[in-house]
N, C-alpha and C. Protein backbone atom coordinates (compact mmCIF):
# COMPACT_ATOMS: atom_id res chain seq x y z
N UNK A 1 5.12 0.63 -3.92
CA UNK A 1 4.66 0.81 -5.07
C UNK A 1 5.06 2.30 -5.76
N UNK A 2 5.53 2.21 -7.06
CA UNK A 2 6.04 3.35 -7.91
C UNK A 2 5.13 3.76 -9.07
N UNK A 3 4.92 4.82 -9.10
CA UNK A 3 4.21 5.45 -10.35
C UNK A 3 5.14 5.66 -11.35
N UNK A 4 4.83 5.25 -12.67
CA UNK A 4 6.05 5.45 -13.65
C UNK A 4 5.23 5.36 -15.04
N UNK A 5 6.16 5.70 -16.14
CA UNK A 5 5.56 5.74 -17.04
C UNK A 5 6.55 4.83 -18.03
N UNK A 6 5.69 4.25 -19.15
CA UNK A 6 6.45 3.28 -20.06
C UNK A 6 7.25 4.21 -21.26
N UNK A 7 8.27 3.89 -21.31
CA UNK A 7 8.99 4.70 -22.38
C UNK A 7 9.92 4.01 -23.33
N UNK A 8 9.80 2.61 -23.29
CA UNK A 8 10.39 1.67 -24.06
C UNK A 8 10.08 0.04 -24.01
N UNK A 9 10.44 -0.76 -25.13
CA UNK A 9 10.37 -2.09 -24.86
C UNK A 9 11.81 -2.70 -25.07
N UNK A 10 11.83 -3.66 -24.12
CA UNK A 10 12.84 -4.50 -24.37
C UNK A 10 12.36 -5.99 -25.21
N UNK A 11 13.52 -6.18 -25.97
CA UNK A 11 13.50 -7.59 -27.11
C UNK A 11 14.35 -8.48 -26.74
N UNK A 12 13.92 -9.78 -26.41
CA UNK A 12 15.39 -10.71 -26.22
C UNK A 12 14.99 -12.04 -26.79
N UNK A 13 15.40 -12.44 -27.90
CA UNK A 13 14.79 -13.70 -28.59
C UNK A 13 15.29 -15.20 -27.89
N UNK A 14 16.19 -14.56 -26.54
CA UNK A 14 16.50 -16.07 -25.71
C UNK A 14 16.33 -15.81 -24.59
N UNK A 15 15.41 -15.64 -23.55
CA UNK A 15 15.09 -15.63 -22.46
C UNK A 15 15.50 -16.86 -21.86
N UNK A 16 16.13 -16.96 -20.85
CA UNK A 16 16.79 -18.36 -20.24
C UNK A 16 15.82 -18.49 -19.09
N UNK A 17 14.74 -17.64 -18.34
CA UNK A 17 14.52 -17.81 -17.27
C UNK A 17 12.85 -18.36 -17.51
N UNK A 18 12.75 -19.52 -16.97
CA UNK A 18 11.09 -19.95 -17.40
C UNK A 18 10.35 -19.18 -17.03
N UNK A 19 10.38 -18.67 -15.99
CA UNK A 19 9.31 -17.46 -15.31
C UNK A 19 8.98 -16.44 -16.33
N UNK A 20 9.84 -16.12 -17.07
CA UNK A 20 9.63 -14.95 -17.82
C UNK A 20 9.19 -15.14 -19.40
N UNK A 21 9.11 -16.51 -19.75
CA UNK A 21 8.99 -17.10 -21.02
C UNK A 21 7.25 -16.38 -21.85
N UNK A 22 7.62 -15.78 -22.41
CA UNK A 22 6.42 -15.26 -23.26
C UNK A 22 6.11 -13.96 -22.68
N UNK A 23 6.58 -13.33 -21.60
CA UNK A 23 6.17 -11.99 -20.76
C UNK A 23 6.67 -10.93 -21.58
N UNK A 24 6.27 -10.04 -21.66
CA UNK A 24 6.49 -8.60 -22.46
C UNK A 24 7.48 -8.04 -21.60
N UNK A 25 8.69 -7.49 -21.80
CA UNK A 25 9.62 -6.71 -21.13
C UNK A 25 9.30 -4.90 -21.43
N UNK A 26 9.33 -4.17 -20.52
CA UNK A 26 9.27 -2.71 -20.80
C UNK A 26 10.14 -1.91 -20.13
N UNK A 27 10.34 -1.07 -20.62
CA UNK A 27 11.27 0.09 -20.01
C UNK A 27 10.46 0.99 -19.55
N UNK A 28 10.65 1.10 -18.02
CA UNK A 28 9.71 2.19 -17.29
C UNK A 28 10.66 3.17 -16.46
N UNK A 29 9.90 4.47 -16.44
CA UNK A 29 10.68 5.55 -15.84
C UNK A 29 9.84 6.08 -14.54
N UNK A 30 10.64 5.86 -13.27
CA UNK A 30 9.55 6.34 -12.12
C UNK A 30 9.31 8.17 -12.34
N UNK A 31 7.96 8.37 -12.15
CA UNK A 31 7.75 9.85 -12.24
C UNK A 31 7.11 10.37 -11.17
N UNK A 32 6.88 11.48 -10.92
CA UNK A 32 6.08 12.24 -10.03
C UNK A 32 4.50 12.25 -10.25
N UNK A 33 3.87 12.54 -9.77
CA UNK A 33 2.48 12.82 -9.84
C UNK A 33 1.88 13.50 -11.20
N UNK A 34 2.98 14.68 -11.33
CA UNK A 34 2.61 15.60 -12.43
C UNK A 34 3.12 14.73 -13.73
N UNK A 35 3.96 13.74 -13.64
CA UNK A 35 4.80 13.38 -14.57
C UNK A 35 6.15 13.62 -15.00
N UNK A 36 6.64 14.42 -14.01
CA UNK A 36 8.01 14.51 -14.06
C UNK A 36 9.17 13.53 -13.86
N UNK A 37 10.40 13.26 -14.36
CA UNK A 37 11.02 11.66 -13.97
C UNK A 37 11.58 12.18 -12.91
N UNK A 38 11.78 11.20 -12.09
CA UNK A 38 12.43 10.71 -10.79
C UNK A 38 13.48 10.30 -10.86
N UNK A 39 14.56 10.54 -10.64
CA UNK A 39 15.86 9.93 -10.38
C UNK A 39 16.56 9.72 -12.03
N UNK A 40 17.60 9.13 -12.01
CA UNK A 40 18.32 8.94 -13.50
C UNK A 40 18.07 7.84 -14.00
N UNK A 41 17.70 6.74 -13.17
CA UNK A 41 17.67 5.31 -14.07
C UNK A 41 16.34 4.82 -14.19
N UNK A 42 16.14 4.49 -15.62
CA UNK A 42 14.82 3.73 -15.67
C UNK A 42 15.02 2.25 -15.18
N UNK A 43 14.01 1.42 -15.34
CA UNK A 43 14.01 0.43 -15.11
C UNK A 43 13.65 -0.66 -15.93
N UNK A 44 13.76 -1.81 -16.32
CA UNK A 44 13.12 -2.87 -17.02
C UNK A 44 11.97 -3.74 -16.15
N UNK A 45 10.97 -3.75 -16.58
CA UNK A 45 9.85 -4.78 -15.78
C UNK A 45 9.23 -5.28 -16.83
N UNK A 46 8.57 -6.43 -15.79
CA UNK A 46 7.85 -7.45 -16.66
C UNK A 46 6.61 -6.96 -16.72
N UNK A 47 5.81 -6.94 -17.74
CA UNK A 47 4.53 -6.24 -17.95
C UNK A 47 3.37 -7.54 -17.80
N UNK A 48 2.80 -7.65 -16.52
CA UNK A 48 1.43 -8.05 -16.50
C UNK A 48 -0.04 -7.97 -16.58
N UNK A 49 -0.02 -6.42 -17.37
CA UNK A 49 -1.44 -6.03 -17.52
C UNK A 49 -1.47 -5.47 -18.90
N UNK A 50 -0.50 -5.58 -19.79
CA UNK A 50 -0.93 -5.42 -21.33
C UNK A 50 -0.36 -3.67 -21.57
N UNK A 51 0.15 -3.31 -20.97
CA UNK A 51 0.85 -2.01 -21.19
C UNK A 51 1.69 -1.77 -22.28
N UNK A 52 1.35 -0.48 -22.29
CA UNK A 52 2.59 0.10 -23.78
C UNK A 52 3.11 1.42 -23.93
N UNK A 53 4.09 1.65 -24.79
CA UNK A 53 4.81 3.14 -24.33
C UNK A 53 3.82 4.10 -24.25
N UNK A 54 4.14 5.07 -23.25
CA UNK A 54 3.03 6.04 -23.24
C UNK A 54 1.99 5.97 -21.98
N UNK A 55 1.83 4.52 -21.57
CA UNK A 55 0.99 4.47 -20.81
C UNK A 55 1.57 4.96 -19.24
N UNK A 56 0.87 5.48 -18.42
CA UNK A 56 1.08 5.46 -16.80
C UNK A 56 0.73 4.50 -15.99
N UNK A 57 1.62 3.83 -15.30
CA UNK A 57 1.37 2.64 -14.89
C UNK A 57 2.00 2.59 -13.08
N UNK A 58 1.37 1.39 -12.50
CA UNK A 58 1.95 1.34 -11.16
C UNK A 58 2.94 0.01 -11.28
N UNK A 59 4.20 -0.01 -10.34
CA UNK A 59 5.37 -1.07 -10.64
C UNK A 59 5.64 -1.09 -9.20
N UNK A 60 5.56 -2.27 -9.18
CA UNK A 60 6.10 -3.02 -7.93
C UNK A 60 7.51 -3.31 -8.26
N UNK A 61 8.57 -2.69 -7.16
CA UNK A 61 9.86 -2.74 -7.60
C UNK A 61 10.37 -3.92 -6.23
N UNK A 62 10.06 -4.88 -5.67
CA UNK A 62 10.50 -5.93 -4.84
C UNK A 62 9.79 -7.17 -5.14
N UNK A 63 11.14 -7.98 -4.92
CA UNK A 63 11.38 -9.52 -5.34
C UNK A 63 10.34 -10.16 -4.95
N UNK A 64 10.21 -10.32 -3.99
CA UNK A 64 9.18 -11.12 -2.93
C UNK A 64 7.91 -11.05 -3.73
N UNK A 65 7.33 -10.00 -3.75
CA UNK A 65 6.13 -9.57 -4.01
C UNK A 65 6.02 -9.76 -5.64
N UNK A 66 7.09 -9.93 -6.54
CA UNK A 66 7.18 -9.61 -7.84
C UNK A 66 6.93 -11.77 -8.03
N UNK A 67 7.52 -12.20 -7.43
CA UNK A 67 7.63 -13.69 -7.51
C UNK A 67 6.27 -13.87 -6.81
N UNK A 68 5.42 -13.38 -6.01
CA UNK A 68 4.36 -14.09 -5.35
C UNK A 68 3.53 -13.78 -6.71
N UNK A 69 3.12 -12.80 -7.30
CA UNK A 69 2.36 -12.49 -8.52
C UNK A 69 2.36 -13.20 -9.47
N UNK A 70 3.98 -13.70 -9.90
CA UNK A 70 4.36 -14.60 -11.13
C UNK A 70 3.98 -15.78 -10.78
N UNK A 71 3.70 -16.57 -9.50
CA UNK A 71 3.56 -17.68 -9.01
C UNK A 71 4.81 -18.30 -9.36
N UNK A 72 6.04 -17.58 -8.95
CA UNK A 72 7.12 -18.34 -9.65
C UNK A 72 8.16 -18.29 -8.26
N UNK A 73 8.29 -19.18 -7.52
CA UNK A 73 9.22 -18.98 -6.42
C UNK A 73 10.61 -19.26 -6.53
N UNK A 74 11.57 -18.57 -6.49
CA UNK A 74 13.18 -18.75 -6.79
C UNK A 74 13.54 -17.96 -8.05
N UNK A 75 12.26 -17.47 -8.96
CA UNK A 75 12.80 -16.78 -10.09
C UNK A 75 13.48 -15.46 -9.90
N UNK A 76 14.27 -15.21 -10.93
CA UNK A 76 15.31 -13.73 -10.54
C UNK A 76 14.33 -12.62 -10.93
N UNK A 77 13.12 -12.41 -10.12
CA UNK A 77 12.28 -11.22 -10.42
C UNK A 77 12.39 -10.27 -9.74
N UNK A 78 12.23 -9.04 -9.99
CA UNK A 78 12.18 -7.88 -9.02
C UNK A 78 10.98 -6.87 -9.28
N UNK A 79 11.27 -6.51 -10.54
CA UNK A 79 10.15 -4.94 -11.20
C UNK A 79 9.17 -5.79 -12.07
N UNK A 80 7.81 -5.37 -11.67
CA UNK A 80 6.48 -6.03 -12.24
C UNK A 80 5.73 -4.90 -12.57
N UNK A 81 5.19 -4.53 -13.67
CA UNK A 81 3.78 -3.36 -13.70
C UNK A 81 2.48 -4.25 -13.65
N UNK A 82 2.04 -3.45 -12.61
CA UNK A 82 0.69 -4.30 -12.01
C UNK A 82 -0.48 -3.72 -12.21
N UNK A 83 -0.35 -2.70 -12.80
CA UNK A 83 -1.62 -1.71 -13.01
C UNK A 83 -1.61 -0.39 -13.92
N UNK A 84 -2.69 -0.18 -14.41
CA UNK A 84 -2.74 1.13 -15.12
C UNK A 84 -3.06 2.25 -14.20
N UNK A 85 -2.75 3.50 -14.64
CA UNK A 85 -3.02 4.74 -13.63
C UNK A 85 -4.11 5.53 -14.87
N UNK A 86 -5.66 5.72 -14.31
CA UNK A 86 -6.32 6.53 -14.93
C UNK A 86 -6.10 8.05 -14.76
N UNK A 87 -6.22 8.30 -13.55
CA UNK A 87 -6.01 9.44 -12.53
C UNK A 87 -5.26 9.72 -11.70
N UNK A 88 -4.50 11.04 -11.39
CA UNK A 88 -3.67 11.44 -10.33
C UNK A 88 -4.52 12.56 -9.68
N UNK A 89 -4.77 12.71 -8.53
CA UNK A 89 -4.95 13.78 -7.76
C UNK A 89 -4.28 14.19 -6.74
N UNK A 90 -3.91 15.48 -6.46
CA UNK A 90 -3.16 16.14 -5.39
C UNK A 90 -3.86 17.30 -4.83
N UNK A 91 -4.15 17.34 -3.38
CA UNK A 91 -4.64 18.22 -2.99
C UNK A 91 -5.89 18.92 -3.58
N UNK A 92 -6.94 17.82 -4.07
CA UNK A 92 -8.02 18.30 -4.70
C UNK A 92 -7.89 18.63 -6.17
N UNK A 93 -6.80 18.72 -6.66
CA UNK A 93 -6.56 19.23 -8.12
C UNK A 93 -5.94 17.84 -8.70
N UNK A 94 -6.46 18.02 -9.95
CA UNK A 94 -6.02 16.53 -11.09
C UNK A 94 -5.28 16.67 -11.65
N UNK A 95 -3.86 16.07 -11.39
CA UNK A 95 -2.58 16.54 -11.99
C UNK A 95 -2.41 15.54 -13.26
N UNK A 96 -3.02 14.37 -13.49
CA UNK A 96 -2.96 13.61 -14.50
C UNK A 96 -4.16 12.89 -14.65
N UNK A 97 -4.59 12.80 -16.00
CA UNK A 97 -5.77 12.37 -16.87
C UNK A 97 -5.76 11.68 -17.78
N UNK A 98 -5.74 10.34 -17.64
CA UNK A 98 -5.31 9.59 -19.03
C UNK A 98 -6.34 9.75 -20.12
N UNK A 99 -7.68 9.92 -19.51
CA UNK A 99 -8.75 10.28 -20.92
C UNK A 99 -8.32 11.67 -21.23
N UNK A 100 -7.90 12.44 -20.51
CA UNK A 100 -7.82 14.18 -21.36
C UNK A 100 -6.71 13.90 -22.24
N UNK A 101 -5.87 13.39 -22.02
CA UNK A 101 -4.77 13.01 -22.74
C UNK A 101 -4.58 12.04 -24.31
N UNK A 102 -5.96 11.07 -24.26
CA UNK A 102 -6.04 10.48 -25.20
C UNK A 102 -6.69 10.93 -26.47
């Protein structure tokens, strides 16, 4: 599972994969617990929770788990947003608090 921040949206009027029909696609950037970016490459993720730009989220980046969540065996699925992050605490210190940033 990956901690990530939603940094954009993807719009495609002609999705040809039935398992993706009607699902929102978001651009996510993996981050460290303090919010600094990890690695150079953002990912496109299928949104399953109603996330939006600026949200800190939990991402699964493994095809089999994604297909099981979507109940879509054989679908070309890899990266899914599966949860929101409210807080991150490291060593007794809160390094991210969604409520404090709102």
